[in-house]
Amino acid sequence: MTEKCTCGEALEELWALIDNELCTEDAQRVQEHLDRCRTCYPQYDFDRAYRQLVALQCRETAPAELRRKVFMRLLEDGA
């Protein structure tokens, strides 16, 4: 059985949940809280809708040269 999630924890992890950046156990714990909490769910619903709207409206990509420079920098930093 998973540990219960508090409102503070759920709201702190909200964007990570929306962005699918939580491990399965944490995502389940936060989602279970949101599914039953009338206080937190509206914030989750708004943030999720906001994220979808931004994704639909922001279709620009960085120029290839900038992407290459960022990628090279990440490789350098990882070495």
C-alpha atoms as a PDB file:
ATOM      1  CA  MET A   1       0.000   0.000   0.000  1.00  0.00           C
ATOM      2  CA  THR A   2       1.375   3.416  -0.936  1.00  0.00           C
ATOM      3  CA  GLU A   3       1.751   6.232   1.540  1.00  0.00           C
ATOM      4  CA  LYS A   4      -0.904   8.961   1.399  1.00  0.00           C
ATOM      5  CA  CYS A   5       0.009  12.249  -0.248  1.00  0.00           C
ATOM      6  CA  THR A   6      -0.744  15.607   1.414  1.00  0.00           C
ATOM      7  CA  CYS A   7      -2.101  18.648  -0.406  1.00  0.00           C
ATOM      8  CA  GLY A   8       1.283  20.364  -0.106  1.00  0.00           C
ATOM      9  CA  GLU A   9       3.096  17.381  -1.585  1.00  0.00           C
ATOM     10  CA  ALA A  10       0.570  17.018  -4.394  1.00  0.00           C
ATOM     11  CA  LEU A  11       0.809  20.673  -5.385  1.00  0.00           C
ATOM     12  CA  GLU A  12       4.604  20.606  -5.134  1.00  0.00           C
ATOM     13  CA  GLU A  13       4.725  17.654  -7.561  1.00  0.00           C
ATOM     14  CA  LEU A  14       1.954  18.909  -9.835  1.00  0.00           C
ATOM     15  CA  TRP A  15       4.073  20.020 -12.814  1.00  0.00           C
ATOM     16  CA  ALA A  16       6.279  16.940 -12.550  1.00  0.00           C
ATOM     17  CA  LEU A  17       3.135  14.808 -12.752  1.00  0.00           C
ATOM     18  CA  ILE A  18       1.782  16.758 -15.723  1.00  0.00           C
ATOM     19  CA  ASP A  19       5.151  16.483 -17.483  1.00  0.00           C
ATOM     20  CA  ASN A  20       5.380  12.719 -16.737  1.00  0.00           C
ATOM     21  CA  GLU A  21       8.577  13.229 -14.747  1.00  0.00           C
ATOM     22  CA  LEU A  22       7.589  11.222 -11.654  1.00  0.00           C
ATOM     23  CA  CYS A  23       8.358   7.569 -11.083  1.00  0.00           C
ATOM     24  CA  THR A  24       5.324   5.301 -11.323  1.00  0.00           C
ATOM     25  CA  GLU A  25       4.854   5.028  -7.557  1.00  0.00           C
ATOM     26  CA  ASP A  26       5.031   8.800  -6.950  1.00  0.00           C
ATOM     27  CA  ALA A  27       2.777   9.539  -9.926  1.00  0.00           C
ATOM     28  CA  GLN A  28       0.201   7.080  -8.629  1.00  0.00           C
ATOM     29  CA  ARG A  29       0.368   8.548  -5.117  1.00  0.00           C
ATOM     30  CA  VAL A  30      -0.099  12.127  -6.359  1.00  0.00           C
ATOM     31  CA  GLN A  31      -2.805  11.148  -8.863  1.00  0.00           C
ATOM     32  CA  GLU A  32      -4.757   9.294  -6.170  1.00  0.00           C
ATOM     33  CA  HIS A  33      -4.673  12.412  -4.012  1.00  0.00           C
ATOM     34  CA  LEU A  34      -5.816  14.638  -6.870  1.00  0.00           C
ATOM     35  CA  ASP A  35      -8.627  12.261  -7.767  1.00  0.00           C
ATOM     36  CA  ARG A  36     -10.141  12.550  -4.296  1.00  0.00           C
ATOM     37  CA  CYS A  37      -9.199  16.106  -3.217  1.00  0.00           C
ATOM     38  CA  ARG A  38     -11.687  18.833  -4.113  1.00  0.00           C
ATOM     39  CA  THR A  39      -9.150  21.473  -3.078  1.00  0.00           C
ATOM     40  CA  CYS A  40      -6.233  20.334  -5.245  1.00  0.00           C
ATOM     41  CA  TYR A  41      -8.008  18.920  -8.298  1.00  0.00           C
ATOM     42  CA  PRO A  42      -9.101  22.299  -9.729  1.00  0.00           C
ATOM     43  CA  GLN A  43      -5.462  23.480  -9.695  1.00  0.00           C
ATOM     44  CA  TYR A  44      -4.376  20.262 -11.405  1.00  0.00           C
ATOM     45  CA  ASP A  45      -7.153  20.560 -13.986  1.00  0.00           C
ATOM     46  CA  PHE A  46      -6.222  24.188 -14.728  1.00  0.00           C
ATOM     47  CA  ASP A  47      -2.471  23.507 -14.945  1.00  0.00           C
ATOM     48  CA  ARG A  48      -3.012  20.491 -17.190  1.00  0.00           C
ATOM     49  CA  ALA A  49      -5.271  22.508 -19.530  1.00  0.00           C
ATOM     50  CA  TYR A  50      -2.762  25.383 -19.506  1.00  0.00           C
ATOM     51  CA  ARG A  51       0.053  22.990 -20.435  1.00  0.00           C
ATOM     52  CA  GLN A  52      -2.003  21.591 -23.324  1.00  0.00           C
ATOM     53  CA  LEU A  53      -2.821  25.083 -24.597  1.00  0.00           C
ATOM     54  CA  VAL A  54       0.822  26.155 -24.486  1.00  0.00           C
ATOM     55  CA  ALA A  55       1.862  22.974 -26.305  1.00  0.00           C
ATOM     56  CA  LEU A  56      -0.682  23.658 -29.051  1.00  0.00           C
ATOM     57  CA  GLN A  57       0.341  27.303 -29.463  1.00  0.00           C
ATOM     58  CA  CYS A  58       4.135  26.930 -29.218  1.00  0.00           C
ATOM     59  CA  ARG A  59       5.136  25.005 -32.277  1.00  0.00           C
ATOM     60  CA  GLU A  60       8.360  26.855 -32.985  1.00  0.00           C
ATOM     61  CA  THR A  61      11.620  24.973 -32.736  1.00  0.00           C
ATOM     62  CA  ALA A  62      15.077  26.290 -32.124  1.00  0.00           C
ATOM     63  CA  PRO A  63      17.296  26.756 -35.175  1.00  0.00           C
ATOM     64  CA  ALA A  64      19.443  23.718 -36.027  1.00  0.00           C
ATOM     65  CA  GLU A  65      22.676  25.534 -35.151  1.00  0.00           C
ATOM     66  CA  LEU A  66      21.403  26.466 -31.685  1.00  0.00           C
ATOM     67  CA  ARG A  67      20.232  22.893 -31.052  1.00  0.00           C
ATOM     68  CA  ARG A  68      23.675  21.629 -32.127  1.00  0.00           C
ATOM     69  CA  LYS A  69      25.444  24.060 -29.769  1.00  0.00           C
ATOM     70  CA  VAL A  70      23.218  23.097 -26.847  1.00  0.00           C
ATOM     71  CA  PHE A  71      23.726  19.405 -27.539  1.00  0.00           C
ATOM     72  CA  MET A  72      27.528  19.865 -27.739  1.00  0.00           C
ATOM     73  CA  ARG A  73      27.502  21.816 -24.465  1.00  0.00           C
ATOM     74  CA  LEU A  74      25.527  19.050 -22.768  1.00  0.00           C
ATOM     75  CA  LEU A  75      28.042  16.505 -23.995  1.00  0.00           C
ATOM     76  CA  GLU A  76      30.921  18.630 -22.676  1.00  0.00           C
ATOM     77  CA  ASP A  77      29.258  19.057 -19.282  1.00  0.00           C
ATOM     78  CA  GLY A  78      28.557  15.335 -19.029  1.00  0.00           C
ATOM     79  CA  ALA A  79      32.196  14.405 -19.621  1.00  0.00           C
END
